[in-house]
Amino acid sequence: MSDGVLMVDPKFLDRVKRDEPMSRHTSWHVGGPADVFFEPRDRADLLAFLGSLPEGTPLFWLGLGSNLLVRDGGIRGVVIDTAAGLTRLERVSDTTLTCEAGVPCARLARQCIKWGLGPAEFLAGIPGVLGGALAMNAGAFGGETWTHVESVATIDRGGEIRERTRAEYEIGYRSVRGPAGEWFLGAKFKLEHDASSSMEAIKTLLARRNAAQPLGVPSCGSVFRNPPGDFAGRLIEQAGQKGRRLGGAMVSDKHANFILNENEATAADIEALIGEVQAAVERTSGVRLEPEVRVIGEPLEAAAKGGR
């Protein structure tokens, strides 16, 4: 850093965006600026860029920006957009494929069906890329990302790439624990021949989902994890929070586990509404809902104090 400005190797200057609004890259359409925003062309380009950064530079890895709330003050450091260049998807044997972190889960689902492999339809219901799905064991329609993962490729901030087996991770419901300081570059999947998988099955599942969830208004999908043996949406509705508004944010009156950016909400509106819903559910049912959404970045006030 020099005078508070993150220094970037001159060979990347024409491809780096400074003070990039994260509202352009999140499904909620909120979020302040990232100091530096970079889109690698491929793994080699990513390695070169990481090697050029000053030691200790904060890094954040972005997919499609779903399941993510970026605060209004933005992100200090570097945001790396994996969806830009980490997009290889290859069949490496009869029932095995490799997929990089930037591949949308919906694309992975469609390709598996074309290859006659499965079960894969559930992946079409995950509104993000594989990297994010691996990080949280995302799921939909009863399926989970890690069920058929054989191994993963990771990278650390020094640019070292490792191949790790599934056994090196503790996998739970919307939870993945593994070696610290590493990010997912991709995964190898071991699937089965599945003649029952079809594009029609995907259409049926998505139609069922779309009938039950709000469409056409920015959201992040489900805000809270379902507690054991229950549903977050049911508890939120029971607590009288369906339709609740705060600033431009609103708890969906169609599905209570969705918070919508209905009227130019700020990230602060959404974060505050998340907290109010949590408190209301805890008061009425004694259950402390755990957010499924990841909240990152600085509040606007903190960024202002820092000279932004």
Protein backbone atom coordinates (compact mmCIF):
# COMPACT_ATOMS: atom_id res chain seq x y z
CA MET A 1 0.00 0.00 0.00
CA SER A 2 1.16 3.53 -0.76
CA ASP A 3 -0.78 6.45 0.78
CA GLY A 4 -3.66 4.05 1.30
CA VAL A 5 -3.70 2.95 -2.36
CA LEU A 6 -3.15 -0.73 -3.11
CA MET A 7 -0.23 -1.04 -5.52
CA VAL A 8 -0.77 -3.30 -8.54
CA ASP A 9 1.87 -4.66 -10.90
CA PRO A 10 1.90 -2.44 -14.04
CA LYS A 11 1.28 -5.44 -16.33
CA PHE A 12 -2.20 -5.82 -14.75
CA LEU A 13 -3.16 -2.14 -14.58
CA ASP A 14 -5.28 -2.14 -17.72
CA ARG A 15 -7.32 -5.08 -16.40
CA VAL A 16 -7.82 -3.98 -12.81
CA LYS A 17 -10.91 -2.04 -11.76
CA ARG A 18 -10.55 0.30 -8.80
CA ASP A 19 -13.43 1.29 -6.52
CA GLU A 20 -15.68 -1.15 -8.34
CA PRO A 21 -19.27 -1.02 -6.93
CA MET A 22 -20.09 -4.46 -5.56
CA SER A 23 -23.75 -3.71 -6.16
CA ARG A 24 -22.99 -4.66 -9.78
CA HIS A 25 -21.85 -8.11 -8.69
CA THR A 26 -24.34 -9.24 -6.03
CA SER A 27 -27.82 -10.68 -6.48
CA TRP A 28 -29.17 -8.25 -3.84
CA HIS A 29 -27.84 -5.35 -5.94
CA VAL A 30 -26.27 -3.69 -2.90
CA GLY A 31 -22.71 -3.20 -1.73
CA GLY A 32 -20.06 -0.50 -1.65
CA PRO A 33 -16.83 -0.34 -3.67
CA ALA A 34 -14.01 -2.88 -3.71
CA ASP A 35 -10.55 -1.32 -3.64
CA VAL A 36 -9.42 -3.60 -6.47
CA PHE A 37 -11.50 -5.93 -8.65
CA PHE A 38 -9.74 -8.49 -10.88
CA GLU A 39 -11.00 -11.07 -13.38
CA PRO A 40 -8.38 -13.76 -14.08
CA ARG A 41 -8.40 -15.30 -17.56
CA ASP A 42 -7.38 -18.75 -16.27
CA ARG A 43 -5.36 -20.44 -13.52
CA ALA A 44 -2.02 -19.27 -14.89
CA ASP A 45 -3.25 -15.68 -14.99
CA LEU A 46 -4.55 -16.00 -11.43
CA LEU A 47 -1.21 -17.35 -10.20
CA ALA A 48 0.68 -14.49 -11.84
CA PHE A 49 -1.64 -11.91 -10.32
CA LEU A 50 -1.46 -13.39 -6.81
CA GLY A 51 2.33 -13.45 -7.06
CA SER A 52 2.35 -9.75 -7.89
CA LEU A 53 0.38 -8.58 -4.86
CA PRO A 54 2.06 -7.05 -1.81
CA GLU A 55 2.34 -9.48 1.10
CA GLY A 56 -0.66 -9.39 3.40
CA THR A 57 -3.09 -7.96 0.85
CA PRO A 58 -6.64 -8.95 1.89
CA LEU A 59 -8.31 -11.24 -0.65
CA PHE A 60 -11.94 -12.06 -1.29
CA TRP A 61 -13.13 -14.63 -3.82
CA LEU A 62 -16.36 -13.90 -5.67
CA GLY A 63 -18.64 -16.12 -7.72
CA LEU A 64 -22.02 -14.94 -8.96
CA GLY A 65 -22.62 -12.86 -5.85
CA SER A 66 -25.59 -14.87 -4.63
CA ASN A 67 -25.79 -15.72 -0.94
CA LEU A 68 -23.64 -12.65 -0.25
CA LEU A 69 -24.28 -9.32 1.47
CA VAL A 70 -21.57 -6.70 0.93
CA ARG A 71 -21.84 -3.80 3.36
CA ASP A 72 -22.23 -0.24 2.06
CA GLY A 73 -18.67 0.78 2.87
CA GLY A 74 -17.31 -1.84 0.49
CA ILE A 75 -14.34 -4.20 0.62
CA ARG A 76 -10.76 -3.26 1.48
CA GLY A 77 -8.28 -5.25 -0.54
CA VAL A 78 -8.73 -7.34 -3.68
CA VAL A 79 -11.84 -9.08 -5.01
CA ILE A 80 -11.11 -11.91 -7.45
CA ASP A 81 -13.96 -12.81 -9.78
CA THR A 82 -13.70 -16.58 -10.28
CA ALA A 83 -16.68 -16.65 -12.67
CA ALA A 84 -14.64 -14.75 -15.26
CA GLY A 85 -11.96 -17.30 -16.12
CA LEU A 86 -12.13 -20.44 -13.97
CA THR A 87 -14.71 -22.04 -16.23
CA ARG A 88 -13.32 -25.38 -17.42
CA LEU A 89 -15.64 -28.38 -17.24
CA GLU A 90 -14.30 -31.69 -18.55
CA ARG A 91 -15.21 -35.35 -18.52
CA VAL A 92 -12.06 -37.25 -17.56
CA SER A 93 -13.43 -40.81 -17.48
CA ASP A 94 -16.66 -42.70 -17.98
CA THR A 95 -18.19 -41.47 -14.72
CA THR A 96 -15.75 -38.79 -13.55
CA LEU A 97 -15.59 -35.09 -14.35
CA THR A 98 -13.59 -32.08 -13.24
CA CYS A 99 -15.13 -28.66 -12.83
CA GLU A 100 -13.49 -25.33 -12.03
CA ALA A 101 -14.76 -22.97 -9.34
CA GLY A 102 -16.24 -20.37 -11.69
CA VAL A 103 -18.65 -22.73 -13.46
CA PRO A 104 -22.30 -21.96 -12.62
CA CYS A 105 -23.97 -24.90 -10.89
CA ALA A 106 -26.80 -24.75 -13.41
CA ARG A 107 -24.33 -25.28 -16.27
CA LEU A 108 -22.79 -28.24 -14.41
CA ALA A 109 -26.25 -29.77 -14.01
CA ARG A 110 -27.07 -29.43 -17.70
CA GLN A 111 -23.75 -30.89 -18.82
CA CYS A 112 -24.06 -33.88 -16.50
CA ILE A 113 -27.43 -34.65 -18.05
CA LYS A 114 -25.97 -34.40 -21.56
CA TRP A 115 -23.32 -36.92 -20.52
CA GLY A 116 -25.93 -39.19 -18.92
CA LEU A 117 -24.45 -38.76 -15.43
CA GLY A 118 -26.17 -38.10 -12.16
CA PRO A 119 -27.81 -37.45 -9.88
CA ALA A 120 -27.31 -33.85 -10.95
CA GLU A 121 -30.69 -32.13 -11.37
CA PHE A 122 -30.48 -30.58 -7.90
CA LEU A 123 -27.45 -28.53 -8.93
CA ALA A 124 -29.68 -26.48 -11.22
CA GLY A 125 -31.40 -25.11 -8.14
CA ILE A 126 -28.20 -23.62 -6.69
CA PRO A 127 -27.98 -19.97 -7.86
CA GLY A 128 -24.20 -19.66 -7.82
CA VAL A 129 -20.92 -21.08 -9.04
CA LEU A 130 -19.19 -24.25 -7.91
CA GLY A 131 -16.61 -22.46 -5.74
CA GLY A 132 -19.27 -20.98 -3.51
CA ALA A 133 -21.24 -24.22 -3.49
CA LEU A 134 -18.15 -26.10 -2.31
CA ALA A 135 -17.42 -23.52 0.39
CA MET A 136 -20.83 -23.93 2.04
CA ASN A 137 -22.00 -27.35 0.81
CA ALA A 138 -24.88 -25.66 -0.99
CA GLY A 139 -27.91 -27.74 -1.78
CA ALA A 140 -31.33 -27.78 -3.40
CA PHE A 141 -34.19 -30.23 -3.91
CA GLY A 142 -32.71 -32.60 -1.32
CA GLY A 143 -29.24 -32.83 -2.88
CA GLU A 144 -25.95 -31.42 -1.60
CA THR A 145 -22.81 -30.36 -3.47
CA TRP A 146 -20.30 -32.54 -1.61
CA THR A 147 -22.20 -35.82 -1.91
CA HIS A 148 -20.28 -36.89 -5.02
CA VAL A 149 -17.06 -34.89 -4.58
CA GLU A 150 -14.00 -37.12 -4.80
CA SER A 151 -11.31 -34.45 -4.43
CA VAL A 152 -10.81 -30.69 -4.69
CA ALA A 153 -8.10 -28.36 -5.95
CA THR A 154 -7.24 -25.45 -3.67
CA ILE A 155 -4.96 -22.43 -3.78
CA ASP A 156 -3.44 -20.38 -0.97
CA ARG A 157 -2.49 -16.72 -1.04
CA GLY A 158 1.08 -17.63 -1.94
CA GLY A 159 -0.19 -19.32 -5.12
CA GLU A 160 0.46 -22.91 -4.07
CA ILE A 161 -2.05 -25.33 -5.58
CA ARG A 162 -2.95 -28.52 -3.72
CA GLU A 163 -5.11 -31.53 -4.47
CA ARG A 164 -7.07 -32.58 -1.39
CA THR A 165 -9.37 -35.54 -0.83
CA ARG A 166 -12.88 -35.32 0.51
CA ALA A 167 -11.67 -37.01 3.71
CA GLU A 168 -9.66 -33.88 4.56
CA TYR A 169 -12.88 -31.90 5.08
CA GLU A 170 -15.62 -32.02 7.68
CA ILE A 171 -18.87 -31.75 5.75
CA GLY A 172 -22.20 -30.84 7.31
CA TYR A 173 -25.47 -29.12 6.47
CA ARG A 174 -24.45 -25.86 4.75
CA SER A 175 -21.09 -26.25 6.44
CA VAL A 176 -17.58 -27.15 5.27
CA ARG A 177 -14.47 -27.17 7.45
CA GLY A 178 -11.01 -27.80 6.07
CA PRO A 179 -7.47 -26.45 5.95
CA ALA A 180 -7.36 -22.73 6.71
CA GLY A 181 -6.09 -20.13 4.29
CA GLU A 182 -7.06 -21.98 1.12
CA TRP A 183 -9.70 -21.32 -1.54
CA PHE A 184 -11.36 -23.76 -3.91
CA LEU A 185 -10.21 -23.78 -7.53
CA GLY A 186 -12.38 -26.71 -8.54
CA ALA A 187 -13.41 -30.29 -7.82
CA LYS A 188 -13.47 -33.79 -9.21
CA PHE A 189 -16.87 -35.51 -9.12
CA LYS A 190 -17.52 -39.24 -9.22
CA LEU A 191 -21.05 -39.78 -10.54
CA GLU A 192 -23.12 -42.66 -11.89
CA HIS A 193 -24.79 -43.47 -15.17
CA ASP A 194 -28.24 -42.00 -14.77
CA ALA A 195 -30.67 -42.42 -17.64
CA SER A 196 -33.46 -40.92 -15.56
CA SER A 197 -31.79 -37.50 -15.50
CA SER A 198 -33.29 -35.10 -18.03
CA MET A 199 -33.73 -31.45 -18.89
CA GLU A 200 -37.46 -31.97 -18.31
CA ALA A 201 -36.72 -33.05 -14.74
CA ILE A 202 -34.78 -29.82 -14.22
CA LYS A 203 -37.65 -27.77 -15.67
CA THR A 204 -40.11 -29.51 -13.34
CA LEU A 205 -37.97 -28.87 -10.26
CA LEU A 206 -37.36 -25.23 -11.17
CA ALA A 207 -41.04 -24.67 -11.87
CA ARG A 208 -41.87 -26.06 -8.43
CA ARG A 209 -39.28 -23.78 -6.83
CA ASN A 210 -40.39 -20.72 -8.77
CA ALA A 211 -43.99 -21.27 -7.73
CA ALA A 212 -43.01 -21.12 -4.06
CA GLN A 213 -40.37 -18.36 -4.15
CA PRO A 214 -40.47 -14.66 -5.05
CA LEU A 215 -39.26 -13.77 -8.53
CA GLY A 216 -38.38 -10.51 -10.20
CA VAL A 217 -37.13 -8.71 -7.06
CA PRO A 218 -33.44 -8.82 -5.99
CA SER A 219 -32.72 -11.28 -3.17
CA CYS A 220 -30.02 -13.73 -2.11
CA GLY A 221 -32.21 -16.81 -1.96
CA SER A 222 -32.68 -18.32 1.50
CA VAL A 223 -31.31 -16.02 4.20
CA PHE A 224 -31.28 -18.51 7.10
CA ARG A 225 -30.34 -22.15 7.46
CA ASN A 226 -33.17 -24.49 8.35
CA PRO A 227 -32.82 -25.53 12.01
CA PRO A 228 -32.84 -29.28 12.73
CA GLY A 229 -36.30 -30.72 12.13
CA ASP A 230 -37.90 -27.46 11.13
CA PHE A 231 -37.99 -24.73 8.48
CA ALA A 232 -36.69 -21.19 8.90
CA GLY A 233 -39.52 -19.82 6.77
CA ARG A 234 -42.17 -21.40 9.02
CA LEU A 235 -40.58 -19.97 12.17
CA ILE A 236 -40.27 -16.50 10.61
CA GLU A 237 -43.91 -16.53 9.57
CA GLN A 238 -44.97 -17.81 13.00
CA ALA A 239 -43.09 -14.86 14.54
CA GLY A 240 -45.19 -12.45 12.48
CA GLN A 241 -42.31 -11.28 10.33
CA LYS A 242 -43.74 -12.07 6.90
CA GLY A 243 -44.03 -8.78 4.99
CA ARG A 244 -42.00 -6.86 7.58
CA ARG A 245 -40.20 -3.82 6.13
CA LEU A 246 -37.14 -1.84 7.11
CA GLY A 247 -36.03 0.94 4.80
CA GLY A 248 -36.04 -0.50 1.30
CA ALA A 249 -35.79 -4.11 2.52
CA MET A 250 -38.73 -6.45 3.04
CA VAL A 251 -39.34 -10.00 4.26
CA SER A 252 -41.07 -11.66 1.33
CA ASP A 253 -44.80 -12.17 1.77
CA LYS A 254 -44.51 -15.21 -0.49
CA HIS A 255 -41.63 -17.04 1.22
CA ALA A 256 -40.59 -15.74 4.64
CA ASN A 257 -36.99 -16.96 4.37
CA PHE A 258 -36.36 -14.44 1.57
CA ILE A 259 -35.47 -10.80 2.18
CA LEU A 260 -36.04 -8.60 -0.84
CA ASN A 261 -34.43 -5.40 -2.03
CA GLU A 262 -37.81 -3.98 -2.85
CA ASN A 263 -37.16 -0.23 -2.90
CA GLU A 264 -33.49 0.70 -3.33
CA ALA A 265 -32.49 -0.90 -0.04
CA THR A 266 -29.04 -0.38 1.40
CA ALA A 267 -26.96 -3.23 2.74
CA ALA A 268 -27.50 -1.68 6.19
CA ASP A 269 -31.29 -2.00 5.73
CA ILE A 270 -30.94 -5.67 4.86
CA GLU A 271 -28.47 -6.47 7.64
CA ALA A 272 -30.63 -4.73 10.23
CA LEU A 273 -33.73 -6.59 9.03
CA ILE A 274 -31.86 -9.90 9.29
CA GLY A 275 -31.07 -9.06 12.92
CA GLU A 276 -34.66 -8.07 13.71
CA VAL A 277 -36.02 -11.28 12.20
CA GLN A 278 -33.53 -13.34 14.21
CA ALA A 279 -34.57 -11.59 17.42
CA ALA A 280 -38.28 -12.02 16.72
CA VAL A 281 -37.95 -15.74 16.03
CA GLU A 282 -35.86 -16.25 19.15
CA ARG A 283 -38.48 -14.45 21.26
CA THR A 284 -41.39 -16.49 19.93
CA SER A 285 -39.85 -19.95 19.50
CA GLY A 286 -36.56 -19.93 21.41
CA VAL A 287 -34.68 -20.81 18.20
CA ARG A 288 -31.69 -18.72 17.15
CA LEU A 289 -31.69 -18.84 13.36
CA GLU A 290 -28.24 -19.03 11.76
CA PRO A 291 -27.71 -16.97 8.60
CA GLU A 292 -26.95 -18.86 5.43
CA VAL A 293 -25.92 -15.62 3.75
CA ARG A 294 -22.36 -14.39 4.19
CA VAL A 295 -21.96 -10.77 5.34
CA ILE A 296 -18.67 -9.07 4.44
CA GLY A 297 -17.09 -5.64 4.07
CA GLU A 298 -17.24 -2.43 6.07
CA PRO A 299 -20.22 -0.36 7.18
CA LEU A 300 -20.43 3.00 5.44
CA GLU A 301 -19.45 4.86 8.62
CA ALA A 302 -16.26 2.83 9.05
CA ALA A 303 -15.25 3.41 5.45
CA ALA A 304 -15.84 7.15 5.86
CA LYS A 305 -13.63 7.26 8.95
CA GLY A 306 -10.93 5.45 6.99
CA GLY A 307 -10.82 8.26 4.45
CA ARG A 308 -12.89 6.72 1.68
